[in-house]
PDB file of all heavy atoms in Angstrom:
ATOM      1  N   LEU A   1       0.859  -1.183   0.000  1.00  0.00           N
ATOM      2  CA  LEU A   1       0.000   0.000   0.000  1.00  0.00           C
ATOM      3  C   LEU A   1       0.893   1.230   0.000  1.00  0.00           C
ATOM      4  O   LEU A   1       1.662   1.457   0.939  1.00  0.00           O
ATOM      5  CB  LEU A   1      -0.907   0.005   1.235  1.00  0.00           C
ATOM      6  CG  LEU A   1      -1.735   1.280   1.468  1.00  0.00           C
ATOM      7  CD1 LEU A   1      -2.664   1.567   0.285  1.00  0.00           C
ATOM      8  CD2 LEU A   1      -2.543   1.165   2.763  1.00  0.00           C
ATOM      9  N   LEU A   2       0.795   2.011  -1.082  1.00  0.00           N
ATOM     10  CA  LEU A   2       1.566   3.235  -1.220  1.00  0.00           C
ATOM     11  C   LEU A   2       0.670   4.444  -1.053  1.00  0.00           C
ATOM     12  O   LEU A   2      -0.479   4.442  -1.510  1.00  0.00           O
ATOM     13  CB  LEU A   2       2.215   3.310  -2.610  1.00  0.00           C
ATOM     14  CG  LEU A   2       3.282   2.287  -2.972  1.00  0.00           C
ATOM     15  CD1 LEU A   2       3.787   2.557  -4.391  1.00  0.00           C
ATOM     16  CD2 LEU A   2       4.440   2.321  -1.991  1.00  0.00           C
ATOM     17  N   VAL A   3       1.185   5.485  -0.419  1.00  0.00           N
ATOM     18  CA  VAL A   3       0.480   6.764  -0.351  1.00  0.00           C
ATOM     19  C   VAL A   3       1.437   7.852  -0.840  1.00  0.00           C
ATOM     20  O   VAL A   3       2.667   7.704  -0.773  1.00  0.00           O
ATOM     21  CB  VAL A   3      -0.014   7.095   1.074  1.00  0.00           C
ATOM     22  CG1 VAL A   3      -0.982   6.036   1.563  1.00  0.00           C
ATOM     23  CG2 VAL A   3       1.163   7.219   2.045  1.00  0.00           C
ATOM     24  N   ASN A   4       0.882   8.949  -1.352  1.00  0.00           N
ATOM     25  CA  ASN A   4       1.756  10.007  -1.850  1.00  0.00           C
ATOM     26  C   ASN A   4       2.305  10.849  -0.696  1.00  0.00           C
ATOM     27  O   ASN A   4       1.846  10.749   0.449  1.00  0.00           O
ATOM     28  CB  ASN A   4       1.033  10.872  -2.885  1.00  0.00           C
ATOM     29  CG  ASN A   4      -0.151  11.611  -2.300  1.00  0.00           C
ATOM     30  OD1 ASN A   4      -0.042  12.245  -1.252  1.00  0.00           O
ATOM     31  ND2 ASN A   4      -1.285  11.544  -2.964  1.00  0.00           N
ATOM     32  N   LYS A   5       3.293  11.649  -1.030  1.00  0.00           N
ATOM     33  CA  LYS A   5       4.001  12.407  -0.001  1.00  0.00           C
ATOM     34  C   LYS A   5       3.120  13.435   0.692  1.00  0.00           C
ATOM     35  O   LYS A   5       3.378  13.809   1.846  1.00  0.00           O
ATOM     36  CB  LYS A   5       5.217  13.108  -0.617  1.00  0.00           C
ATOM     37  CG  LYS A   5       6.294  12.187  -1.109  1.00  0.00           C
ATOM     38  CD  LYS A   5       7.558  12.939  -1.467  1.00  0.00           C
ATOM     39  CE  LYS A   5       7.322  13.951  -2.563  1.00  0.00           C
ATOM     40  NZ  LYS A   5       8.587  14.673  -2.939  1.00  0.00           N
ATOM     41  N   GLU A   6       2.099  13.927  -0.017  1.00  0.00           N
ATOM     42  CA  GLU A   6       1.260  14.981   0.545  1.00  0.00           C
ATOM     43  C   GLU A   6       0.200  14.457   1.510  1.00  0.00           C
ATOM     44  O   GLU A   6      -0.395  15.228   2.263  1.00  0.00           O
ATOM     45  CB  GLU A   6       0.569  15.743  -0.589  1.00  0.00           C
ATOM     46  CG  GLU A   6       1.514  16.326  -1.626  1.00  0.00           C
ATOM     47  CD  GLU A   6       2.533  17.262  -1.016  1.00  0.00           C
ATOM     48  OE1 GLU A   6       2.156  18.045  -0.120  1.00  0.00           O
ATOM     49  OE2 GLU A   6       3.711  17.213  -1.429  1.00  0.00           O
ATOM     50  N   THR A   7      -0.043  13.155   1.491  1.00  0.00           N
ATOM     51  CA  THR A   7      -1.063  12.580   2.381  1.00  0.00           C
ATOM     52  C   THR A   7      -0.511  12.512   3.802  1.00  0.00           C
ATOM     53  O   THR A   7       0.549  11.914   4.029  1.00  0.00           O
ATOM     54  CB  THR A   7      -1.451  11.162   1.908  1.00  0.00           C
ATOM     55  OG1 THR A   7      -1.947  11.244   0.569  1.00  0.00           O
ATOM     56  CG2 THR A   7      -2.513  10.564   2.802  1.00  0.00           C
ATOM     57  N   PRO A   8      -1.182  13.125   4.787  1.00  0.00           N
ATOM     58  CA  PRO A   8      -0.664  13.181   6.154  1.00  0.00           C
ATOM     59  C   PRO A   8      -0.843  11.868   6.919  1.00  0.00           C
ATOM     60  O   PRO A   8      -1.525  11.808   7.946  1.00  0.00           O
ATOM     61  CB  PRO A   8      -1.468  14.316   6.778  1.00  0.00           C
ATOM     62  CG  PRO A   8      -2.773  14.288   6.058  1.00  0.00           C
ATOM     63  CD  PRO A   8      -2.435  13.888   4.637  1.00  0.00           C
ATOM     64  N   ALA A   9      -0.236  10.813   6.370  1.00  0.00           N
ATOM     65  CA  ALA A   9      -0.265   9.502   7.036  1.00  0.00           C
ATOM     66  C   ALA A   9       1.053   8.810   6.742  1.00  0.00           C
ATOM     67  O   ALA A   9       1.404   8.602   5.572  1.00  0.00           O
ATOM     68  CB  ALA A   9      -1.434   8.667   6.528  1.00  0.00           C
ATOM     69  N   ASN A  10       1.784   8.475   7.785  1.00  0.00           N
ATOM     70  CA  ASN A  10       3.087   7.830   7.629  1.00  0.00           C
ATOM     71  C   ASN A  10       3.101   6.407   8.149  1.00  0.00           C
ATOM     72  O   ASN A  10       4.160   5.769   8.173  1.00  0.00           O
ATOM     73  CB  ASN A  10       4.161   8.656   8.341  1.00  0.00           C
ATOM     74  CG  ASN A  10       4.303  10.039   7.747  1.00  0.00           C
ATOM     75  OD1 ASN A  10       4.535  10.189   6.550  1.00  0.00           O
ATOM     76  ND2 ASN A  10       4.153  11.069   8.579  1.00  0.00           N
ATOM     77  N   SER A  11       1.946   5.910   8.551  1.00  0.00           N
ATOM     78  CA  SER A  11       1.847   4.542   9.059  1.00  0.00           C
ATOM     79  C   SER A  11       0.442   4.032   8.771  1.00  0.00           C
ATOM     80  O   SER A  11      -0.461   4.805   8.409  1.00  0.00           O
ATOM     81  CB  SER A  11       2.115   4.497  10.566  1.00  0.00           C
ATOM     82  OG  SER A  11       1.066   5.153  11.277  1.00  0.00           O
ATOM     83  N   TRP A  12       0.258   2.730   8.937  1.00  0.00           N
ATOM     84  CA  TRP A  12      -1.063   2.146   8.718  1.00  0.00           C
ATOM     85  C   TRP A  12      -2.085   2.727   9.692  1.00  0.00           C
ATOM     86  O   TRP A  12      -3.197   3.074   9.309  1.00  0.00           O
ATOM     87  CB  TRP A  12      -0.993   0.630   8.855  1.00  0.00           C
ATOM     88  CG  TRP A  12      -2.329  -0.050   8.888  1.00  0.00           C
ATOM     89  CD1 TRP A  12      -2.877  -0.747   9.918  1.00  0.00           C
ATOM     90  CD2 TRP A  12      -3.303  -0.091   7.828  1.00  0.00           C
ATOM     91  NE1 TRP A  12      -4.125  -1.231   9.575  1.00  0.00           N
ATOM     92  CE2 TRP A  12      -4.411  -0.834   8.298  1.00  0.00           C
ATOM     93  CE3 TRP A  12      -3.355   0.438   6.541  1.00  0.00           C
ATOM     94  CZ2 TRP A  12      -5.545  -1.063   7.532  1.00  0.00           C
ATOM     95  CZ3 TRP A  12      -4.477   0.203   5.760  1.00  0.00           C
ATOM     96  CH2 TRP A  12      -5.572  -0.536   6.256  1.00  0.00           C
ATOM     97  N   ASP A  13      -1.727   2.850  10.952  1.00  0.00           N
ATOM     98  CA  ASP A  13      -2.655   3.397  11.939  1.00  0.00           C
ATOM     99  C   ASP A  13      -3.054   4.831  11.592  1.00  0.00           C
ATOM    100  O   ASP A  13      -4.229   5.212  11.730  1.00  0.00           O
ATOM    101  CB  ASP A  13      -2.033   3.347  13.344  1.00  0.00           C
ATOM    102  CG  ASP A  13      -1.971   1.926  13.904  1.00  0.00           C
ATOM    103  OD1 ASP A  13      -2.760   1.071  13.444  1.00  0.00           O
ATOM    104  OD2 ASP A  13      -1.133   1.675  14.789  1.00  0.00           O
ATOM    105  N   GLU A  14      -2.083   5.628  11.144  1.00  0.00           N
ATOM    106  CA  GLU A  14      -2.390   7.006  10.765  1.00  0.00           C
ATOM    107  C   GLU A  14      -3.264   7.045   9.517  1.00  0.00           C
ATOM    108  O   GLU A  14      -4.148   7.901   9.395  1.00  0.00           O
ATOM    109  CB  GLU A  14      -1.096   7.784  10.533  1.00  0.00           C
ATOM    110  CG  GLU A  14      -0.306   8.054  11.810  1.00  0.00           C
ATOM    111  CD  GLU A  14       0.978   8.806  11.541  1.00  0.00           C
ATOM    112  OE1 GLU A  14       1.253   9.145  10.361  1.00  0.00           O
ATOM    113  OE2 GLU A  14       1.728   9.075  12.506  1.00  0.00           O
ATOM    114  N   PHE A  15      -3.041   6.129   8.597  1.00  0.00           N
ATOM    115  CA  PHE A  15      -3.848   6.064   7.383  1.00  0.00           C
ATOM    116  C   PHE A  15      -5.296   5.733   7.720  1.00  0.00           C
ATOM    117  O   PHE A  15      -6.228   6.359   7.206  1.00  0.00           O
ATOM    118  CB  PHE A  15      -3.270   5.013   6.429  1.00  0.00           C
ATOM    119  CG  PHE A  15      -4.006   4.885   5.128  1.00  0.00           C
ATOM    120  CD1 PHE A  15      -3.759   5.753   4.077  1.00  0.00           C
ATOM    121  CD2 PHE A  15      -4.956   3.888   4.948  1.00  0.00           C
ATOM    122  CE1 PHE A  15      -4.434   5.636   2.867  1.00  0.00           C
ATOM    123  CE2 PHE A  15      -5.643   3.758   3.746  1.00  0.00           C
ATOM    124  CZ  PHE A  15      -5.375   4.637   2.702  1.00  0.00           C
ATOM    125  N   VAL A  16      -5.489   4.752   8.602  1.00  0.00           N
ATOM    126  CA  VAL A  16      -6.844   4.366   9.013  1.00  0.00           C
ATOM    127  C   VAL A  16      -7.536   5.531   9.717  1.00  0.00           C
ATOM    128  O   VAL A  16      -8.709   5.832   9.448  1.00  0.00           O
ATOM    129  CB  VAL A  16      -6.800   3.123   9.925  1.00  0.00           C
ATOM    130  CG1 VAL A  16      -8.177   2.835  10.516  1.00  0.00           C
ATOM    131  CG2 VAL A  16      -6.306   1.914   9.135  1.00  0.00           C
ATOM    132  N   ALA A  17      -6.809   6.195  10.610  1.00  0.00           N
ATOM    133  CA  ALA A  17      -7.390   7.326  11.333  1.00  0.00           C
ATOM    134  C   ALA A  17      -7.801   8.439  10.371  1.00  0.00           C
ATOM    135  O   ALA A  17      -8.877   9.038  10.523  1.00  0.00           O
ATOM    136  CB  ALA A  17      -6.381   7.856  12.363  1.00  0.00           C
ATOM    137  N   LEU A  18      -6.959   8.722   9.385  1.00  0.00           N
ATOM    138  CA  LEU A  18      -7.266   9.751   8.398  1.00  0.00           C
ATOM    139  C   LEU A  18      -8.491   9.366   7.571  1.00  0.00           C
ATOM    140  O   LEU A  18      -9.377  10.192   7.324  1.00  0.00           O
ATOM    141  CB  LEU A  18      -6.061   9.964   7.480  1.00  0.00           C
ATOM    142  CG  LEU A  18      -6.219  11.018   6.379  1.00  0.00           C
ATOM    143  CD1 LEU A  18      -6.435  12.405   6.990  1.00  0.00           C
ATOM    144  CD2 LEU A  18      -4.986  11.018   5.467  1.00  0.00           C
ATOM    145  N   ALA A  19      -8.545   8.090   7.160  1.00  0.00           N
ATOM    146  CA  ALA A  19      -9.684   7.623   6.354  1.00  0.00           C
ATOM    147  C   ALA A  19     -10.984   7.695   7.133  1.00  0.00           C
ATOM    148  O   ALA A  19     -12.047   7.975   6.566  1.00  0.00           O
ATOM    149  CB  ALA A  19      -9.420   6.205   5.872  1.00  0.00           C
ATOM    150  N   LYS A  20     -10.927   7.428   8.419  1.00  0.00           N
ATOM    151  CA  LYS A  20     -12.136   7.493   9.245  1.00  0.00           C
ATOM    152  C   LYS A  20     -12.569   8.941   9.479  1.00  0.00           C
ATOM    153  O   LYS A  20     -13.769   9.216   9.633  1.00  0.00           O
ATOM    154  CB  LYS A  20     -11.894   6.781  10.581  1.00  0.00           C
ATOM    155  CG  LYS A  20     -11.828   5.255  10.458  1.00  0.00           C
ATOM    156  CD  LYS A  20     -11.676   4.584  11.799  1.00  0.00           C
ATOM    157  CE  LYS A  20     -11.728   3.070  11.659  1.00  0.00           C
ATOM    158  NZ  LYS A  20     -11.564   2.379  12.968  1.00  0.00           N
ATOM    159  N   THR A  21     -11.609   9.842   9.521  1.00  0.00           N
ATOM    160  CA  THR A  21     -11.933  11.261   9.698  1.00  0.00           C
ATOM    161  C   THR A  21     -12.617  11.828   8.455  1.00  0.00           C
ATOM    162  O   THR A  21     -13.511  12.669   8.548  1.00  0.00           O
ATOM    163  CB  THR A  21     -10.647  12.062   9.987  1.00  0.00           C
ATOM    164  OG1 THR A  21     -10.032  11.549  11.168  1.00  0.00           O
ATOM    165  CG2 THR A  21     -10.962  13.539  10.189  1.00  0.00           C
ATOM    166  N   GLU A  22     -12.182  11.320   7.267  1.00  0.00           N
ATOM    167  CA  GLU A  22     -12.714  11.830   6.003  1.00  0.00           C
ATOM    168  C   GLU A  22     -13.220  10.660   5.146  1.00  0.00           C
ATOM    169  O   GLU A  22     -12.601  10.310   4.131  1.00  0.00           O
ATOM    170  CB  GLU A  22     -11.633  12.606   5.257  1.00  0.00           C
ATOM    171  CG  GLU A  22     -11.056  13.771   6.065  1.00  0.00           C
ATOM    172  CD  GLU A  22      -9.906  14.460   5.350  1.00  0.00           C
ATOM    173  OE1 GLU A  22      -9.167  13.773   4.628  1.00  0.00           O
ATOM    174  OE2 GLU A  22      -9.753  15.675   5.511  1.00  0.00           O
ATOM    175  N   PRO A  23     -14.340  10.027   5.524  1.00  0.00           N
ATOM    176  CA  PRO A  23     -14.840   8.859   4.788  1.00  0.00           C
ATOM    177  C   PRO A  23     -15.080   9.158   3.309  1.00  0.00           C
ATOM    178  O   PRO A  23     -15.721  10.158   2.964  1.00  0.00           O
ATOM    179  CB  PRO A  23     -16.165   8.537   5.498  1.00  0.00           C
ATOM    180  CG  PRO A  23     -16.026   9.145   6.852  1.00  0.00           C
ATOM    181  CD  PRO A  23     -15.209  10.380   6.659  1.00  0.00           C
ATOM    182  N   GLY A  24     -14.528   8.304   2.446  1.00  0.00           N
ATOM    183  CA  GLY A  24     -14.742   8.437   1.012  1.00  0.00           C
ATOM    184  C   GLY A  24     -13.921   9.510   0.333  1.00  0.00           C
ATOM    185  O   GLY A  24     -14.062   9.706  -0.881  1.00  0.00           O
ATOM    186  N   LYS A  25     -13.068  10.208   1.060  1.00  0.00           N
ATOM    187  CA  LYS A  25     -12.293  11.291   0.450  1.00  0.00           C
ATOM    188  C   LYS A  25     -10.977  10.799  -0.134  1.00  0.00           C
ATOM    189  O   LYS A  25     -10.520  11.297  -1.168  1.00  0.00           O
ATOM    190  CB  LYS A  25     -12.016  12.395   1.475  1.00  0.00           C
ATOM    191  CG  LYS A  25     -11.314  13.606   0.865  1.00  0.00           C
ATOM    192  CD  LYS A  25     -11.146  14.737   1.872  1.00  0.00           C
ATOM    193  CE  LYS A  25     -10.437  15.932   1.247  1.00  0.00           C
ATOM    194  NZ  LYS A  25     -10.277  17.058   2.194  1.00  0.00           N
ATOM    195  N   LEU A  26     -10.338   9.824   0.509  1.00  0.00           N
ATOM    196  CA  LEU A  26      -9.056   9.318   0.019  1.00  0.00           C
ATOM    197  C   LEU A  26      -9.283   8.515  -1.261  1.00  0.00           C
ATOM    198  O   LEU A  26     -10.019   7.530  -1.273  1.00  0.00           O
ATOM    199  CB  LEU A  26      -8.377   8.447   1.070  1.00  0.00           C
ATOM    200  CG  LEU A  26      -7.991   9.135   2.386  1.00  0.00           C
ATOM    201  CD1 LEU A  26      -7.297   8.149   3.313  1.00  0.00           C
ATOM    202  CD2 LEU A  26      -7.086  10.334   2.115  1.00  0.00           C
ATOM    203  N   VAL A  27      -8.635   8.937  -2.337  1.00  0.00           N
ATOM    204  CA  VAL A  27      -8.802   8.279  -3.640  1.00  0.00           C
ATOM    205  C   VAL A  27      -7.841   7.108  -3.765  1.00  0.00           C
ATOM    206  O   VAL A  27      -6.617   7.265  -3.636  1.00  0.00           O
ATOM    207  CB  VAL A  27      -8.574   9.278  -4.791  1.00  0.00           C
ATOM    208  CG1 VAL A  27      -8.607   8.549  -6.140  1.00  0.00           C
ATOM    209  CG2 VAL A  27      -9.629  10.372  -4.756  1.00  0.00           C
ATOM    210  N   HIS A  28      -8.405   5.944  -4.015  1.00  0.00           N
ATOM    211  CA  HIS A  28      -7.626   4.736  -4.299  1.00  0.00           C
ATOM    212  C   HIS A  28      -7.511   4.617  -5.810  1.00  0.00           C
ATOM    213  O   HIS A  28      -8.488   4.332  -6.495  1.00  0.00           O
ATOM    214  CB  HIS A  28      -8.321   3.509  -3.685  1.00  0.00           C
ATOM    215  CG  HIS A  28      -7.803   2.201  -4.210  1.00  0.00           C
ATOM    216  ND1 HIS A  28      -8.586   1.063  -4.270  1.00  0.00           N
ATOM    217  CD2 HIS A  28      -6.594   1.834  -4.701  1.00  0.00           C
ATOM    218  CE1 HIS A  28      -7.894   0.068  -4.766  1.00  0.00           C
ATOM    219  NE2 HIS A  28      -6.686   0.506  -5.044  1.00  0.00           N
TER     220      HIS A  28
END
C-alpha cells in the first residue's frame, strides 16, 4: 500500500485514522 508524499499519514494506523476522519475522500 503506497500513499503520496502529501497525504498526512506515515503509518497504517495514521492512514486508518485519516480515512475514518474523512470517509470516502481518500482516492484509491
